[in-house]
């Protein structure tokens, strides 16, 4: 269970929980607090969430899609518009393709179905806060496939940004496959910080703002098709 708790020397991750089912919302809040996260706000509707978000300033919003208006997709878009550094983790009963893609297109960086375990939720909140994209198993491939389908058919897969270094390109390919910073660091025998630096340098060079945009760009370039393991 040590992996589910925040390290004692780390400042707690600030989380907001939005769900219209009181028992579920209370359970998520309790699990987060027990693991050392700081729940800075809760809400039962989209309206409440948007009203409380500016003052609460959460790093991560754990958000259900099916909530009283505005719905979770609309809340996601507004949260990201107000604070591009905020991360939205969808926690929904729905695993339908349309719901997942709508949420990601609105700016969500994670999507779990409510059948996920407590440990999966806690890990997802931590990873999303750290800049990773996190999906319930099976959904990552769906999202990657859809981004590939929507990519401009006139875009040549080999048309790659000339300013990126070989290492940055290598890291970007792994980002496109949905690998976490930790997994990339282990694969390339680098430190977690070095991987983050490569990603930040790539974002700056490509004039992008977050890992979702970077993943979409990489898929459009065909970088996720690399089968080299």
Protein backbone atom coordinates (compact mmCIF):
# COMPACT_ATOMS: atom_id res chain seq x y z
CA UNK A 1 0.00 0.00 0.00
CA UNK A 2 3.01 2.29 0.29
CA UNK A 3 2.76 3.09 -3.42
CA UNK A 4 -0.70 4.63 -3.00
CA UNK A 5 0.30 7.20 -0.37
CA UNK A 6 2.01 10.50 -0.98
CA UNK A 7 5.69 10.64 0.02
CA UNK A 8 5.87 12.49 3.35
CA UNK A 9 8.30 15.09 2.01
CA UNK A 10 6.16 15.98 -1.02
CA UNK A 11 3.56 18.75 -0.87
CA UNK A 12 0.11 17.18 -1.20
CA UNK A 13 -1.49 17.20 -4.63
CA UNK A 14 -4.53 19.46 -4.63
CA UNK A 15 -7.63 17.72 -5.97
CA UNK A 16 -11.23 18.70 -6.68
CA UNK A 17 -13.90 15.97 -6.87
CA UNK A 18 -17.01 16.49 -9.01
CA UNK A 19 -19.79 13.88 -8.97
CA UNK A 20 -23.54 14.13 -8.45
CA UNK A 21 -23.79 10.87 -6.48
CA UNK A 22 -23.09 11.75 -2.81
CA UNK A 23 -21.97 8.27 -1.72
CA UNK A 24 -19.58 7.89 -4.63
CA UNK A 25 -18.26 11.44 -4.24
CA UNK A 26 -17.70 10.93 -0.51
CA UNK A 27 -15.92 7.62 -1.10
CA UNK A 28 -13.54 9.15 -3.65
CA UNK A 29 -12.86 12.11 -1.37
CA UNK A 30 -12.14 9.78 1.56
CA UNK A 31 -9.81 7.57 -0.49
CA UNK A 32 -7.86 10.58 -1.72
CA UNK A 33 -7.51 12.11 1.73
CA UNK A 34 -6.51 8.80 3.30
CA UNK A 35 -3.72 8.52 0.70
CA UNK A 36 -2.39 11.99 1.51
CA UNK A 37 -3.95 14.09 -1.24
CA UNK A 38 -5.53 17.44 -0.35
CA UNK A 39 -9.16 17.64 -1.45
CA UNK A 40 -9.62 21.38 -1.86
CA UNK A 41 -13.22 21.32 -3.13
CA UNK A 42 -16.12 19.04 -4.01
CA UNK A 43 -19.08 19.72 -6.27
CA UNK A 44 -22.23 17.92 -7.37
CA UNK A 45 -22.88 19.74 -10.65
CA UNK A 46 -21.06 21.46 -13.46
CA UNK A 47 -22.25 24.82 -12.23
CA UNK A 48 -20.92 24.22 -8.72
CA UNK A 49 -17.62 22.96 -10.11
CA UNK A 50 -17.02 26.04 -12.23
CA UNK A 51 -18.09 28.34 -9.38
CA UNK A 52 -15.64 26.74 -6.93
CA UNK A 53 -12.75 26.08 -9.28
CA UNK A 54 -11.17 29.58 -9.37
CA UNK A 55 -10.80 29.87 -5.59
CA UNK A 56 -9.88 26.21 -5.01
CA UNK A 57 -7.12 26.14 -7.67
CA UNK A 58 -6.85 22.33 -7.79
CA UNK A 59 -4.00 20.68 -9.68
CA UNK A 60 -6.28 17.80 -10.67
CA UNK A 61 -10.05 17.74 -11.16
CA UNK A 62 -11.55 14.24 -10.79
CA UNK A 63 -14.71 14.64 -12.81
CA UNK A 64 -17.73 12.55 -13.73
CA UNK A 65 -19.15 13.14 -17.20
CA UNK A 66 -22.84 12.66 -16.41
CA UNK A 67 -23.45 15.57 -14.05
CA UNK A 68 -26.11 18.31 -14.01
CA UNK A 69 -25.37 21.06 -16.54
CA UNK A 70 -22.92 22.00 -17.72
CA UNK A 71 -21.82 18.41 -18.33
CA UNK A 72 -18.37 16.98 -17.75
CA UNK A 73 -17.11 17.68 -21.26
CA UNK A 74 -18.13 21.33 -21.01
CA UNK A 75 -16.61 21.63 -17.53
CA UNK A 76 -13.37 20.09 -18.81
CA UNK A 77 -13.08 22.62 -21.62
CA UNK A 78 -13.76 25.55 -19.28
CA UNK A 79 -11.35 24.33 -16.59
CA UNK A 80 -8.54 23.99 -19.12
CA UNK A 81 -9.40 27.37 -20.62
CA UNK A 82 -9.25 29.06 -17.21
CA UNK A 83 -6.09 27.29 -16.08
CA UNK A 84 -4.06 25.43 -18.74
CA UNK A 85 -1.89 23.93 -15.99
CA UNK A 86 -4.87 22.16 -14.39
CA UNK A 87 -5.34 18.48 -15.20
CA UNK A 88 -8.72 16.80 -15.64
CA UNK A 89 -9.14 13.10 -14.85
CA UNK A 90 -12.50 11.76 -15.97
CA UNK A 91 -13.97 9.10 -13.68
CA UNK A 92 -17.10 7.86 -15.42
CA UNK A 93 -19.40 4.88 -15.57
CA UNK A 94 -19.26 5.17 -19.35
CA UNK A 95 -16.52 3.64 -21.46
CA UNK A 96 -18.27 4.52 -24.72
CA UNK A 97 -15.99 5.68 -27.51
CA UNK A 98 -17.86 8.93 -28.08
CA UNK A 99 -17.68 9.93 -24.41
CA UNK A 100 -13.98 9.15 -24.17
CA UNK A 101 -13.05 11.05 -27.32
CA UNK A 102 -15.23 14.06 -26.47
CA UNK A 103 -13.54 14.31 -23.07
CA UNK A 104 -10.02 14.05 -24.50
CA UNK A 105 -10.76 16.58 -27.24
CA UNK A 106 -12.05 18.97 -24.54
CA UNK A 107 -8.69 18.68 -22.74
CA UNK A 108 -8.93 15.76 -20.31
CA UNK A 109 -5.57 14.08 -19.72
CA UNK A 110 -6.96 10.93 -18.14
CA UNK A 111 -10.04 8.71 -18.32
CA UNK A 112 -10.94 5.92 -15.91
CA UNK A 113 -14.15 3.94 -15.75
CA UNK A 114 -15.72 3.59 -12.31
CA UNK A 115 -14.87 -0.09 -12.15
CA UNK A 116 -11.24 0.97 -11.58
CA UNK A 117 -9.77 -0.01 -8.23
CA UNK A 118 -8.86 2.41 -5.47
CA UNK A 119 -5.16 1.94 -6.20
CA UNK A 120 -5.73 2.58 -9.92
CA UNK A 121 -7.52 5.82 -9.10
CA UNK A 122 -4.82 7.04 -6.72
CA UNK A 123 -2.08 6.16 -9.19
CA UNK A 124 -3.97 7.91 -12.00
CA UNK A 125 -4.38 11.12 -9.99
CA UNK A 126 -0.67 11.13 -9.17
CA UNK A 127 0.37 10.43 -12.76
CA UNK A 128 -1.98 13.01 -14.26
CA UNK A 129 -0.69 15.62 -11.80
CA UNK A 130 2.84 14.75 -12.96
CA UNK A 131 1.98 15.37 -16.60
CA UNK A 132 1.17 11.85 -17.80
CA UNK A 133 -1.87 10.79 -19.78
CA UNK A 134 -3.73 7.90 -18.13
CA UNK A 135 -6.49 5.71 -19.52
CA UNK A 136 -8.35 2.63 -18.38
CA UNK A 137 -6.77 -0.34 -20.21
CA UNK A 138 -8.25 -0.60 -23.69
CA UNK A 139 -9.18 3.06 -23.98
CA UNK A 140 -5.67 4.30 -24.79
CA UNK A 141 -5.66 2.37 -28.06
CA UNK A 142 -9.09 3.75 -28.91
CA UNK A 143 -7.90 7.33 -28.42
CA UNK A 144 -4.69 6.81 -30.36
CA UNK A 145 -6.57 5.18 -33.20
CA UNK A 146 -9.08 8.00 -33.42
CA UNK A 147 -6.39 10.68 -33.44
CA UNK A 148 -4.67 8.80 -36.24
CA UNK A 149 -7.93 8.60 -38.20
CA UNK A 150 -8.57 12.32 -37.77
CA UNK A 151 -5.05 13.26 -38.79
CA UNK A 152 -4.77 15.29 -41.97
CA UNK A 153 -4.44 12.73 -44.78
CA UNK A 154 -2.12 15.13 -46.63
CA UNK A 155 0.36 15.04 -43.74
CA UNK A 156 3.38 12.96 -44.60
CA UNK A 157 4.32 10.62 -41.72
CA UNK A 158 8.00 11.37 -42.21
CA UNK A 159 7.52 15.13 -42.16
CA UNK A 160 9.13 15.59 -38.77
CA UNK A 161 10.13 18.80 -37.07
CA UNK A 162 13.78 19.42 -37.99
CA UNK A 163 14.71 21.11 -34.71
CA UNK A 164 14.14 18.04 -32.51
CA UNK A 165 17.17 16.04 -31.44
CA UNK A 166 17.38 12.29 -31.93
CA UNK A 167 16.70 11.75 -28.20
CA UNK A 168 13.71 14.11 -28.21
CA UNK A 169 12.30 12.24 -31.19
CA UNK A 170 12.81 8.94 -29.36
CA UNK A 171 11.00 10.24 -26.27
CA UNK A 172 8.20 11.67 -28.42
CA UNK A 173 7.60 8.26 -30.04
CA UNK A 174 7.15 6.75 -26.58
CA UNK A 175 4.82 9.56 -25.53
CA UNK A 176 2.71 8.78 -28.62
CA UNK A 177 2.38 5.18 -27.46
CA UNK A 178 0.96 6.33 -24.12
CA UNK A 179 4.01 5.44 -22.02
CA UNK A 180 4.44 7.24 -18.68
CA UNK A 181 7.53 9.28 -17.86
CA UNK A 182 8.61 6.51 -15.50
CA UNK A 183 8.28 3.87 -18.21
CA UNK A 184 10.20 6.03 -20.70
CA UNK A 185 12.94 6.67 -18.14
CA UNK A 186 13.31 2.95 -17.47
CA UNK A 187 13.32 2.07 -21.17
CA UNK A 188 15.98 4.66 -22.05
CA UNK A 189 17.92 4.34 -18.77
CA UNK A 190 17.41 8.00 -17.97
CA UNK A 191 16.24 9.85 -14.89
CA UNK A 192 12.60 10.89 -14.58
CA UNK A 193 13.74 14.54 -14.57
CA UNK A 194 15.71 14.10 -17.79
CA UNK A 195 12.66 12.67 -19.55
CA UNK A 196 10.55 15.60 -18.31
CA UNK A 197 13.18 18.02 -19.61
CA UNK A 198 13.11 16.38 -23.05
CA UNK A 199 9.32 16.65 -23.14
CA UNK A 200 9.38 20.29 -22.04
CA UNK A 201 12.02 21.13 -24.66
CA UNK A 202 9.92 19.43 -27.32
CA UNK A 203 6.79 21.33 -26.24
CA UNK A 204 8.71 24.60 -26.46
CA UNK A 205 10.15 23.85 -29.90
CA UNK A 206 6.78 22.79 -31.29
CA UNK A 207 5.01 25.72 -29.58
CA UNK A 208 2.61 23.40 -27.76
CA UNK A 209 1.29 23.59 -24.22
CA UNK A 210 0.66 20.10 -22.88
CA UNK A 211 1.17 16.40 -23.39
CA UNK A 212 -2.23 15.91 -25.05
CA UNK A 213 -1.25 18.28 -27.86
CA UNK A 214 2.14 16.60 -28.10
CA UNK A 215 0.56 13.15 -28.34
CA UNK A 216 -1.81 14.32 -31.06
CA UNK A 217 1.09 15.82 -33.02
CA UNK A 218 3.15 12.64 -32.72
CA UNK A 219 0.25 10.50 -33.94
CA UNK A 220 -0.35 12.82 -36.88
CA UNK A 221 3.31 12.33 -37.79
CA UNK A 222 2.92 8.55 -37.62
CA UNK A 223 5.40 8.23 -34.75
CA UNK A 224 3.19 5.81 -32.83
CA UNK A 225 3.50 3.30 -35.67
CA UNK A 226 7.10 2.57 -34.77
CA UNK A 227 7.15 -1.09 -33.67
CA UNK A 228 10.61 -0.97 -32.17
CA UNK A 229 10.35 -2.27 -28.62
